[in-house]
Amino acid sequence: MEAPPELNVLRSSIDNLDAALIHILAERFRCTREVGKLKARLQMPAADPGREERQTTRLRALAQAANFDPDFAEKFLAFIITEVIRHHDLAREEIAKV
């Protein structure tokens, strides 16, 4: 059965949004890699629980304002933060090798 045109239009929009999300995440991680390098050079801890808590609160509020599930937004941010900390730890290991 052929998909109706409306479905194809919606799927095309979803595909474009997925591409935008990937590019936005790539840019975010470029920035956080630089933060990780700086933290490593300054011998700062990879994790910053205070910052993470502020970011979680901020993202939950943004999600609510956008009529989006704040619990999902928090879970998504937690996943990103876990990856960022992992990258920061790797940056610290690279600095230690030099």
PDB file of N, CA and C in Angstrom:
ATOM      1  N   MET A   1       0.853  -1.187   0.000  1.00  0.00           N
ATOM      2  CA  MET A   1       0.000   0.000   0.000  1.00  0.00           C
ATOM      3  C   MET A   1       0.894   1.245   0.000  1.00  0.00           C
ATOM      4  N   GLU A   2       0.597   2.160  -0.865  1.00  0.00           N
ATOM      5  CA  GLU A   2       1.367   3.396  -0.976  1.00  0.00           C
ATOM      6  C   GLU A   2       0.983   4.364   0.137  1.00  0.00           C
ATOM      7  N   ALA A   3       1.986   5.016   0.701  1.00  0.00           N
ATOM      8  CA  ALA A   3       1.738   5.972   1.771  1.00  0.00           C
ATOM      9  C   ALA A   3       1.040   7.203   1.206  1.00  0.00           C
ATOM     10  N   PRO A   4       0.090   7.761   1.955  1.00  0.00           N
ATOM     11  CA  PRO A   4      -0.583   8.970   1.491  1.00  0.00           C
ATOM     12  C   PRO A   4       0.400  10.147   1.478  1.00  0.00           C
ATOM     13  N   PRO A   5       0.160  11.128   0.622  1.00  0.00           N
ATOM     14  CA  PRO A   5       1.069  12.277   0.513  1.00  0.00           C
ATOM     15  C   PRO A   5       1.317  12.982   1.841  1.00  0.00           C
ATOM     16  N   GLU A   6       0.278  13.098   2.691  1.00  0.00           N
ATOM     17  CA  GLU A   6       0.459  13.784   3.975  1.00  0.00           C
ATOM     18  C   GLU A   6       1.499  13.069   4.839  1.00  0.00           C
ATOM     19  N   LEU A   7       1.476  11.724   4.766  1.00  0.00           N
ATOM     20  CA  LEU A   7       2.437  10.943   5.544  1.00  0.00           C
ATOM     21  C   LEU A   7       3.853  11.187   5.022  1.00  0.00           C
ATOM     22  N   ASN A   8       4.002  11.240   3.723  1.00  0.00           N
ATOM     23  CA  ASN A   8       5.324  11.503   3.144  1.00  0.00           C
ATOM     24  C   ASN A   8       5.837  12.886   3.526  1.00  0.00           C
ATOM     25  N   VAL A   9       4.956  13.869   3.565  1.00  0.00           N
ATOM     26  CA  VAL A   9       5.348  15.228   3.960  1.00  0.00           C
ATOM     27  C   VAL A   9       5.815  15.236   5.415  1.00  0.00           C
ATOM     28  N   LEU A  10       5.044  14.577   6.280  1.00  0.00           N
ATOM     29  CA  LEU A  10       5.420  14.521   7.691  1.00  0.00           C
ATOM     30  C   LEU A  10       6.742  13.773   7.877  1.00  0.00           C
ATOM     31  N   ARG A  11       6.908  12.672   7.171  1.00  0.00           N
ATOM     32  CA  ARG A  11       8.155  11.913   7.273  1.00  0.00           C
ATOM     33  C   ARG A  11       9.342  12.721   6.766  1.00  0.00           C
ATOM     34  N   SER A  12       9.133  13.491   5.734  1.00  0.00           N
ATOM     35  CA  SER A  12      10.198  14.349   5.221  1.00  0.00           C
ATOM     36  C   SER A  12      10.600  15.391   6.270  1.00  0.00           C
ATOM     37  N   SER A  13       9.624  15.955   6.940  1.00  0.00           N
ATOM     38  CA  SER A  13       9.900  16.919   8.014  1.00  0.00           C
ATOM     39  C   SER A  13      10.675  16.251   9.137  1.00  0.00           C
ATOM     40  N   ILE A  14      10.268  15.040   9.508  1.00  0.00           N
ATOM     41  CA  ILE A  14      10.969  14.296  10.560  1.00  0.00           C
ATOM     42  C   ILE A  14      12.411  14.034  10.148  1.00  0.00           C
ATOM     43  N   ASP A  15      12.625  13.636   8.899  1.00  0.00           N
ATOM     44  CA  ASP A  15      13.985  13.387   8.405  1.00  0.00           C
ATOM     45  C   ASP A  15      14.839  14.651   8.494  1.00  0.00           C
ATOM     46  N   ASN A  16      14.270  15.781   8.129  1.00  0.00           N
ATOM     47  CA  ASN A  16      15.005  17.056   8.212  1.00  0.00           C
ATOM     48  C   ASN A  16      15.326  17.413   9.662  1.00  0.00           C
ATOM     49  N   LEU A  17      14.374  17.191  10.554  1.00  0.00           N
ATOM     50  CA  LEU A  17      14.607  17.470  11.969  1.00  0.00           C
ATOM     51  C   LEU A  17      15.676  16.546  12.549  1.00  0.00           C
ATOM     52  N   ASP A  18      15.651  15.275  12.155  1.00  0.00           N
ATOM     53  CA  ASP A  18      16.679  14.336  12.609  1.00  0.00           C
ATOM     54  C   ASP A  18      18.068  14.802  12.163  1.00  0.00           C
ATOM     55  N   ALA A  19      18.170  15.254  10.937  1.00  0.00           N
ATOM     56  CA  ALA A  19      19.454  15.754  10.432  1.00  0.00           C
ATOM     57  C   ALA A  19      19.896  16.980  11.229  1.00  0.00           C
ATOM     58  N   ALA A  20      18.956  17.872  11.500  1.00  0.00           N
ATOM     59  CA  ALA A  20      19.278  19.073  12.287  1.00  0.00           C
ATOM     60  C   ALA A  20      19.742  18.684  13.691  1.00  0.00           C
ATOM     61  N   LEU A  21      19.073  17.714  14.311  1.00  0.00           N
ATOM     62  CA  LEU A  21      19.475  17.256  15.642  1.00  0.00           C
ATOM     63  C   LEU A  21      20.904  16.722  15.642  1.00  0.00           C
ATOM     64  N   ILE A  22      21.253  15.939  14.637  1.00  0.00           N
ATOM     65  CA  ILE A  22      22.601  15.391  14.556  1.00  0.00           C
ATOM     66  C   ILE A  22      23.632  16.505  14.433  1.00  0.00           C
ATOM     67  N   HIS A  23      23.349  17.487  13.603  1.00  0.00           N
ATOM     68  CA  HIS A  23      24.281  18.603  13.432  1.00  0.00           C
ATOM     69  C   HIS A  23      24.395  19.436  14.709  1.00  0.00           C
ATOM     70  N   ILE A  24      23.291  19.647  15.384  1.00  0.00           N
ATOM     71  CA  ILE A  24      23.302  20.402  16.636  1.00  0.00           C
ATOM     72  C   ILE A  24      24.086  19.637  17.708  1.00  0.00           C
ATOM     73  N   LEU A  25      23.850  18.334  17.800  1.00  0.00           N
ATOM     74  CA  LEU A  25      24.591  17.530  18.776  1.00  0.00           C
ATOM     75  C   LEU A  25      26.085  17.517  18.451  1.00  0.00           C
ATOM     76  N   ALA A  26      26.415  17.426  17.177  1.00  0.00           N
ATOM     77  CA  ALA A  26      27.835  17.452  16.791  1.00  0.00           C
ATOM     78  C   ALA A  26      28.477  18.765  17.225  1.00  0.00           C
ATOM     79  N   GLU A  27      27.796  19.867  17.034  1.00  0.00           N
ATOM     80  CA  GLU A  27      28.328  21.172  17.442  1.00  0.00           C
ATOM     81  C   GLU A  27      28.436  21.262  18.963  1.00  0.00           C
ATOM     82  N   ARG A  28      27.438  20.746  19.658  1.00  0.00           N
ATOM     83  CA  ARG A  28      27.479  20.752  21.129  1.00  0.00           C
ATOM     84  C   ARG A  28      28.692  19.974  21.623  1.00  0.00           C
ATOM     85  N   PHE A  29      28.933  18.809  21.027  1.00  0.00           N
ATOM     86  CA  PHE A  29      30.058  17.998  21.463  1.00  0.00           C
ATOM     87  C   PHE A  29      31.395  18.603  21.052  1.00  0.00           C
ATOM     88  N   ARG A  30      31.444  19.353  19.972  1.00  0.00           N
ATOM     89  CA  ARG A  30      32.673  20.087  19.645  1.00  0.00           C
ATOM     90  C   ARG A  30      32.997  21.076  20.776  1.00  0.00           C
ATOM     91  N   CYS A  31      31.966  21.762  21.247  1.00  0.00           N
ATOM     92  CA  CYS A  31      32.160  22.724  22.348  1.00  0.00           C
ATOM     93  C   CYS A  31      32.558  22.009  23.634  1.00  0.00           C
ATOM     94  N   THR A  32      31.882  20.922  23.956  1.00  0.00           N
ATOM     95  CA  THR A  32      32.196  20.239  25.212  1.00  0.00           C
ATOM     96  C   THR A  32      33.569  19.569  25.163  1.00  0.00           C
ATOM     97  N   ARG A  33      34.043  19.184  23.979  1.00  0.00           N
ATOM     98  CA  ARG A  33      35.412  18.659  23.875  1.00  0.00           C
ATOM     99  C   ARG A  33      36.421  19.736  24.259  1.00  0.00           C
ATOM    100  N   GLU A  34      36.170  20.963  23.823  1.00  0.00           N
ATOM    101  CA  GLU A  34      37.051  22.070  24.190  1.00  0.00           C
ATOM    102  C   GLU A  34      37.009  22.324  25.699  1.00  0.00           C
ATOM    103  N   VAL A  35      35.803  22.230  26.271  1.00  0.00           N
ATOM    104  CA  VAL A  35      35.672  22.373  27.721  1.00  0.00           C
ATOM    105  C   VAL A  35      36.481  21.281  28.410  1.00  0.00           C
ATOM    106  N   GLY A  36      36.389  20.052  27.903  1.00  0.00           N
ATOM    107  CA  GLY A  36      37.135  18.940  28.491  1.00  0.00           C
ATOM    108  C   GLY A  36      38.629  19.148  28.434  1.00  0.00           C
ATOM    109  N   LYS A  37      39.117  19.666  27.311  1.00  0.00           N
ATOM    110  CA  LYS A  37      40.555  19.948  27.195  1.00  0.00           C
ATOM    111  C   LYS A  37      40.981  21.022  28.197  1.00  0.00           C
ATOM    112  N   LEU A  38      40.166  22.062  28.307  1.00  0.00           N
ATOM    113  CA  LEU A  38      40.474  23.141  29.239  1.00  0.00           C
ATOM    114  C   LEU A  38      40.467  22.627  30.677  1.00  0.00           C
ATOM    115  N   LYS A  39      39.444  21.866  31.031  1.00  0.00           N
ATOM    116  CA  LYS A  39      39.375  21.309  32.380  1.00  0.00           C
ATOM    117  C   LYS A  39      40.584  20.420  32.653  1.00  0.00           C
ATOM    118  N   ALA A  40      40.979  19.627  31.669  1.00  0.00           N
ATOM    119  CA  ALA A  40      42.136  18.742  31.857  1.00  0.00           C
ATOM    120  C   ALA A  40      43.402  19.558  32.095  1.00  0.00           C
ATOM    121  N   ARG A  41      43.602  20.607  31.288  1.00  0.00           N
ATOM    122  CA  ARG A  41      44.792  21.454  31.458  1.00  0.00           C
ATOM    123  C   ARG A  41      44.808  22.137  32.825  1.00  0.00           C
ATOM    124  N   LEU A  42      43.627  22.520  33.300  1.00  0.00           N
ATOM    125  CA  LEU A  42      43.517  23.216  34.583  1.00  0.00           C
ATOM    126  C   LEU A  42      43.355  22.254  35.758  1.00  0.00           C
ATOM    127  N   GLN A  43      43.389  20.961  35.457  1.00  0.00           N
ATOM    128  CA  GLN A  43      43.233  19.912  36.463  1.00  0.00           C
ATOM    129  C   GLN A  43      41.928  20.062  37.244  1.00  0.00           C
ATOM    130  N   MET A  44      40.875  20.367  36.523  1.00  0.00           N
ATOM    131  CA  MET A  44      39.544  20.466  37.116  1.00  0.00           C
ATOM    132  C   MET A  44      38.843  19.123  36.950  1.00  0.00           C
ATOM    133  N   PRO A  45      37.899  18.802  37.831  1.00  0.00           N
ATOM    134  CA  PRO A  45      37.173  17.532  37.688  1.00  0.00           C
ATOM    135  C   PRO A  45      36.327  17.517  36.417  1.00  0.00           C
ATOM    136  N   ALA A  46      36.147  16.311  35.871  1.00  0.00           N
ATOM    137  CA  ALA A  46      35.361  16.163  34.647  1.00  0.00           C
ATOM    138  C   ALA A  46      33.900  16.529  34.880  1.00  0.00           C
ATOM    139  N   ALA A  47      33.374  16.129  36.025  1.00  0.00           N
ATOM    140  CA  ALA A  47      31.966  16.383  36.344  1.00  0.00           C
ATOM    141  C   ALA A  47      31.839  17.665  37.160  1.00  0.00           C
ATOM    142  N   ASP A  48      30.709  18.338  36.972  1.00  0.00           N
ATOM    143  CA  ASP A  48      30.390  19.545  37.733  1.00  0.00           C
ATOM    144  C   ASP A  48      28.932  19.415  38.176  1.00  0.00           C
ATOM    145  N   PRO A  49      28.692  18.720  39.301  1.00  0.00           N
ATOM    146  CA  PRO A  49      27.315  18.450  39.722  1.00  0.00           C
ATOM    147  C   PRO A  49      26.439  19.695  39.845  1.00  0.00           C
ATOM    148  N   GLY A  50      26.998  20.810  40.299  1.00  0.00           N
ATOM    149  CA  GLY A  50      26.208  22.040  40.413  1.00  0.00           C
ATOM    150  C   GLY A  50      25.731  22.523  39.059  1.00  0.00           C
ATOM    151  N   ARG A  51      26.632  22.531  38.089  1.00  0.00           N
ATOM    152  CA  ARG A  51      26.278  22.927  36.717  1.00  0.00           C
ATOM    153  C   ARG A  51      25.247  21.963  36.141  1.00  0.00           C
ATOM    154  N   GLU A  52      25.467  20.672  36.365  1.00  0.00           N
ATOM    155  CA  GLU A  52      24.536  19.669  35.836  1.00  0.00           C
ATOM    156  C   GLU A  52      23.134  19.872  36.400  1.00  0.00           C
ATOM    157  N   GLU A  53      23.052  20.172  37.702  1.00  0.00           N
ATOM    158  CA  GLU A  53      21.751  20.410  38.330  1.00  0.00           C
ATOM    159  C   GLU A  53      21.083  21.656  37.748  1.00  0.00           C
ATOM    160  N   ARG A  54      21.866  22.718  37.562  1.00  0.00           N
ATOM    161  CA  ARG A  54      21.300  23.950  36.969  1.00  0.00           C
ATOM    162  C   ARG A  54      20.818  23.694  35.542  1.00  0.00           C
ATOM    163  N   GLN A  55      21.594  22.935  34.785  1.00  0.00           N
ATOM    164  CA  GLN A  55      21.206  22.629  33.406  1.00  0.00           C
ATOM    165  C   GLN A  55      19.929  21.792  33.368  1.00  0.00           C
ATOM    166  N   THR A  56      19.832  20.826  34.274  1.00  0.00           N
ATOM    167  CA  THR A  56      18.631  19.989  34.328  1.00  0.00           C
ATOM    168  C   THR A  56      17.409  20.837  34.637  1.00  0.00           C
ATOM    169  N   THR A  57      17.526  21.712  35.614  1.00  0.00           N
ATOM    170  CA  THR A  57      16.411  22.596  35.969  1.00  0.00           C
ATOM    171  C   THR A  57      16.041  23.483  34.784  1.00  0.00           C
ATOM    172  N   ARG A  58      17.055  24.042  34.129  1.00  0.00           N
ATOM    173  CA  ARG A  58      16.810  24.924  32.981  1.00  0.00           C
ATOM    174  C   ARG A  58      16.137  24.165  31.841  1.00  0.00           C
ATOM    175  N   LEU A  59      16.626  22.960  31.535  1.00  0.00           N
ATOM    176  CA  LEU A  59      16.039  22.194  30.431  1.00  0.00           C
ATOM    177  C   LEU A  59      14.621  21.729  30.741  1.00  0.00           C
ATOM    178  N   ARG A  60      14.371  21.383  31.981  1.00  0.00           N
ATOM    179  CA  ARG A  60      13.001  20.992  32.353  1.00  0.00           C
ATOM    180  C   ARG A  60      12.044  22.175  32.145  1.00  0.00           C
ATOM    181  N   ALA A  61      12.491  23.364  32.529  1.00  0.00           N
ATOM    182  CA  ALA A  61      11.645  24.562  32.350  1.00  0.00           C
ATOM    183  C   ALA A  61      11.436  24.843  30.861  1.00  0.00           C
ATOM    184  N   LEU A  62      12.497  24.716  30.068  1.00  0.00           N
ATOM    185  CA  LEU A  62      12.355  24.912  28.620  1.00  0.00           C
ATOM    186  C   LEU A  62      11.387  23.895  28.019  1.00  0.00           C
ATOM    187  N   ALA A  63      11.494  22.658  28.464  1.00  0.00           N
ATOM    188  CA  ALA A  63      10.600  21.613  27.953  1.00  0.00           C
ATOM    189  C   ALA A  63       9.149  21.938  28.306  1.00  0.00           C
ATOM    190  N   GLN A  64       8.917  22.328  29.542  1.00  0.00           N
ATOM    191  CA  GLN A  64       7.552  22.674  29.944  1.00  0.00           C
ATOM    192  C   GLN A  64       7.019  23.832  29.114  1.00  0.00           C
ATOM    193  N   ALA A  65       7.841  24.846  28.888  1.00  0.00           N
ATOM    194  CA  ALA A  65       7.418  26.006  28.097  1.00  0.00           C
ATOM    195  C   ALA A  65       7.107  25.605  26.655  1.00  0.00           C
ATOM    196  N   ALA A  66       7.791  24.572  26.163  1.00  0.00           N
ATOM    197  CA  ALA A  66       7.578  24.099  24.791  1.00  0.00           C
ATOM    198  C   ALA A  66       6.493  23.023  24.706  1.00  0.00           C
ATOM    199  N   ASN A  67       5.816  22.781  25.831  1.00  0.00           N
ATOM    200  CA  ASN A  67       4.791  21.739  25.895  1.00  0.00           C
ATOM    201  C   ASN A  67       5.387  20.375  25.520  1.00  0.00           C
ATOM    202  N   PHE A  68       6.558  20.108  26.086  1.00  0.00           N
ATOM    203  CA  PHE A  68       7.309  18.875  25.828  1.00  0.00           C
ATOM    204  C   PHE A  68       7.521  18.177  27.169  1.00  0.00           C
ATOM    205  N   ASP A  69       7.609  16.891  27.153  1.00  0.00           N
ATOM    206  CA  ASP A  69       7.747  16.098  28.377  1.00  0.00           C
ATOM    207  C   ASP A  69       9.061  16.419  29.097  1.00  0.00           C
ATOM    208  N   PRO A  70       8.999  17.083  30.266  1.00  0.00           N
ATOM    209  CA  PRO A  70      10.220  17.435  30.978  1.00  0.00           C
ATOM    210  C   PRO A  70      11.005  16.215  31.473  1.00  0.00           C
ATOM    211  N   ASP A  71      10.315  15.121  31.758  1.00  0.00           N
ATOM    212  CA  ASP A  71      11.022  13.909  32.181  1.00  0.00           C
ATOM    213  C   ASP A  71      11.880  13.363  31.042  1.00  0.00           C
ATOM    214  N   PHE A  72      11.333  13.375  29.833  1.00  0.00           N
ATOM    215  CA  PHE A  72      12.121  12.931  28.679  1.00  0.00           C
ATOM    216  C   PHE A  72      13.316  13.863  28.472  1.00  0.00           C
ATOM    217  N   ALA A  73      13.085  15.162  28.561  1.00  0.00           N
ATOM    218  CA  ALA A  73      14.167  16.137  28.389  1.00  0.00           C
ATOM    219  C   ALA A  73      15.266  15.890  29.413  1.00  0.00           C
ATOM    220  N   GLU A  74      14.889  15.600  30.648  1.00  0.00           N
ATOM    221  CA  GLU A  74      15.885  15.336  31.694  1.00  0.00           C
ATOM    222  C   GLU A  74      16.661  14.055  31.392  1.00  0.00           C
ATOM    223  N   LYS A  75      15.982  13.007  30.954  1.00  0.00           N
ATOM    224  CA  LYS A  75      16.664  11.752  30.617  1.00  0.00           C
ATOM    225  C   LYS A  75      17.631  11.956  29.449  1.00  0.00           C
ATOM    226  N   PHE A  76      17.198  12.713  28.472  1.00  0.00           N
ATOM    227  CA  PHE A  76      18.037  12.996  27.306  1.00  0.00           C
ATOM    228  C   PHE A  76      19.285  13.768  27.733  1.00  0.00           C
ATOM    229  N   LEU A  77      19.107  14.786  28.574  1.00  0.00           N
ATOM    230  CA  LEU A  77      20.240  15.559  29.062  1.00  0.00           C
ATOM    231  C   LEU A  77      21.175  14.685  29.895  1.00  0.00           C
ATOM    232  N   ALA A  78      20.620  13.806  30.720  1.00  0.00           N
ATOM    233  CA  ALA A  78      21.451  12.916  31.538  1.00  0.00           C
ATOM    234  C   ALA A  78      22.326  12.038  30.649  1.00  0.00           C
ATOM    235  N   PHE A  79      21.766  11.543  29.555  1.00  0.00           N
ATOM    236  CA  PHE A  79      22.546  10.733  28.616  1.00  0.00           C
ATOM    237  C   PHE A  79      23.688  11.559  28.023  1.00  0.00           C
ATOM    238  N   ILE A  80      23.373  12.781  27.614  1.00  0.00           N
ATOM    239  CA  ILE A  80      24.388  13.664  27.029  1.00  0.00           C
ATOM    240  C   ILE A  80      25.477  13.971  28.056  1.00  0.00           C
ATOM    241  N   ILE A  81      25.085  14.287  29.280  1.00  0.00           N
ATOM    242  CA  ILE A  81      26.058  14.612  30.320  1.00  0.00           C
ATOM    243  C   ILE A  81      26.987  13.424  30.583  1.00  0.00           C
ATOM    244  N   THR A  82      26.433  12.226  30.608  1.00  0.00           N
ATOM    245  CA  THR A  82      27.254  11.024  30.808  1.00  0.00           C
ATOM    246  C   THR A  82      28.316  10.924  29.719  1.00  0.00           C
ATOM    247  N   GLU A  83      27.931  11.176  28.478  1.00  0.00           N
ATOM    248  CA  GLU A  83      28.886  11.126  27.367  1.00  0.00           C
ATOM    249  C   GLU A  83      29.922  12.246  27.463  1.00  0.00           C
ATOM    250  N   VAL A  84      29.474  13.421  27.844  1.00  0.00           N
ATOM    251  CA  VAL A  84      30.397  14.554  27.981  1.00  0.00           C
ATOM    252  C   VAL A  84      31.446  14.249  29.046  1.00  0.00           C
ATOM    253  N   ILE A  85      31.016  13.733  30.176  1.00  0.00           N
ATOM    254  CA  ILE A  85      31.965  13.400  31.247  1.00  0.00           C
ATOM    255  C   ILE A  85      32.946  12.339  30.765  1.00  0.00           C
ATOM    256  N   ARG A  86      32.463  11.365  30.024  1.00  0.00           N
ATOM    257  CA  ARG A  86      33.349  10.340  29.470  1.00  0.00           C
ATOM    258  C   ARG A  86      34.395  10.980  28.561  1.00  0.00           C
ATOM    259  N   HIS A  87      33.968  11.906  27.721  1.00  0.00           N
ATOM    260  CA  HIS A  87      34.903  12.612  26.837  1.00  0.00           C
ATOM    261  C   HIS A  87      35.898  13.456  27.642  1.00  0.00           C
ATOM    262  N   HIS A  88      35.422  14.078  28.718  1.00  0.00           N
ATOM    263  CA  HIS A  88      36.315  14.873  29.564  1.00  0.00           C
ATOM    264  C   HIS A  88      37.367  13.980  30.217  1.00  0.00           C
ATOM    265  N   ASP A  89      36.955  12.798  30.651  1.00  0.00           N
ATOM    266  CA  ASP A  89      37.917  11.850  31.227  1.00  0.00           C
ATOM    267  C   ASP A  89      38.950  11.426  30.179  1.00  0.00           C
ATOM    268  N   LEU A  90      38.513  11.218  28.956  1.00  0.00           N
ATOM    269  CA  LEU A  90      39.447  10.868  27.873  1.00  0.00           C
ATOM    270  C   LEU A  90      40.423  12.014  27.618  1.00  0.00           C
ATOM    271  N   ALA A  91      39.929  13.238  27.664  1.00  0.00           N
ATOM    272  CA  ALA A  91      40.806  14.397  27.465  1.00  0.00           C
ATOM    273  C   ALA A  91      41.851  14.453  28.564  1.00  0.00           C
ATOM    274  N   ARG A  92      41.457  14.159  29.771  1.00  0.00           N
ATOM    275  CA  ARG A  92      42.397  14.150  30.893  1.00  0.00           C
ATOM    276  C   ARG A  92      43.467  13.084  30.671  1.00  0.00           C
ATOM    277  N   GLU A  93      43.060  11.918  30.183  1.00  0.00           N
ATOM    278  CA  GLU A  93      44.028  10.842  29.898  1.00  0.00           C
ATOM    279  C   GLU A  93      45.012  11.260  28.805  1.00  0.00           C
ATOM    280  N   GLU A  94      44.516  11.964  27.782  1.00  0.00           N
ATOM    281  CA  GLU A  94      45.389  12.430  26.693  1.00  0.00           C
ATOM    282  C   GLU A  94      46.410  13.437  27.211  1.00  0.00           C
ATOM    283  N   ILE A  95      45.957  14.372  28.063  1.00  0.00           N
ATOM    284  CA  ILE A  95      46.873  15.372  28.633  1.00  0.00           C
ATOM    285  C   ILE A  95      47.929  14.669  29.493  1.00  0.00           C
ATOM    286  N   ALA A  96      47.521  13.647  30.233  1.00  0.00           N
ATOM    287  CA  ALA A  96      48.444  12.938  31.123  1.00  0.00           C
ATOM    288  C   ALA A  96      49.533  12.211  30.321  1.00  0.00           C
ATOM    289  N   LYS A  97      49.209  11.788  29.096  1.00  0.00           N
ATOM    290  CA  LYS A  97      50.181  11.079  28.251  1.00  0.00           C
ATOM    291  C   LYS A  97      51.284  12.007  27.746  1.00  0.00           C
ATOM    292  N   VAL A  98      50.955  13.288  27.612  1.00  0.00           N
ATOM    293  CA  VAL A  98      51.906  14.247  27.018  1.00  0.00           C
ATOM    294  C   VAL A  98      52.980  14.649  27.973  1.00  0.00           C
TER     295      VAL A  98
END
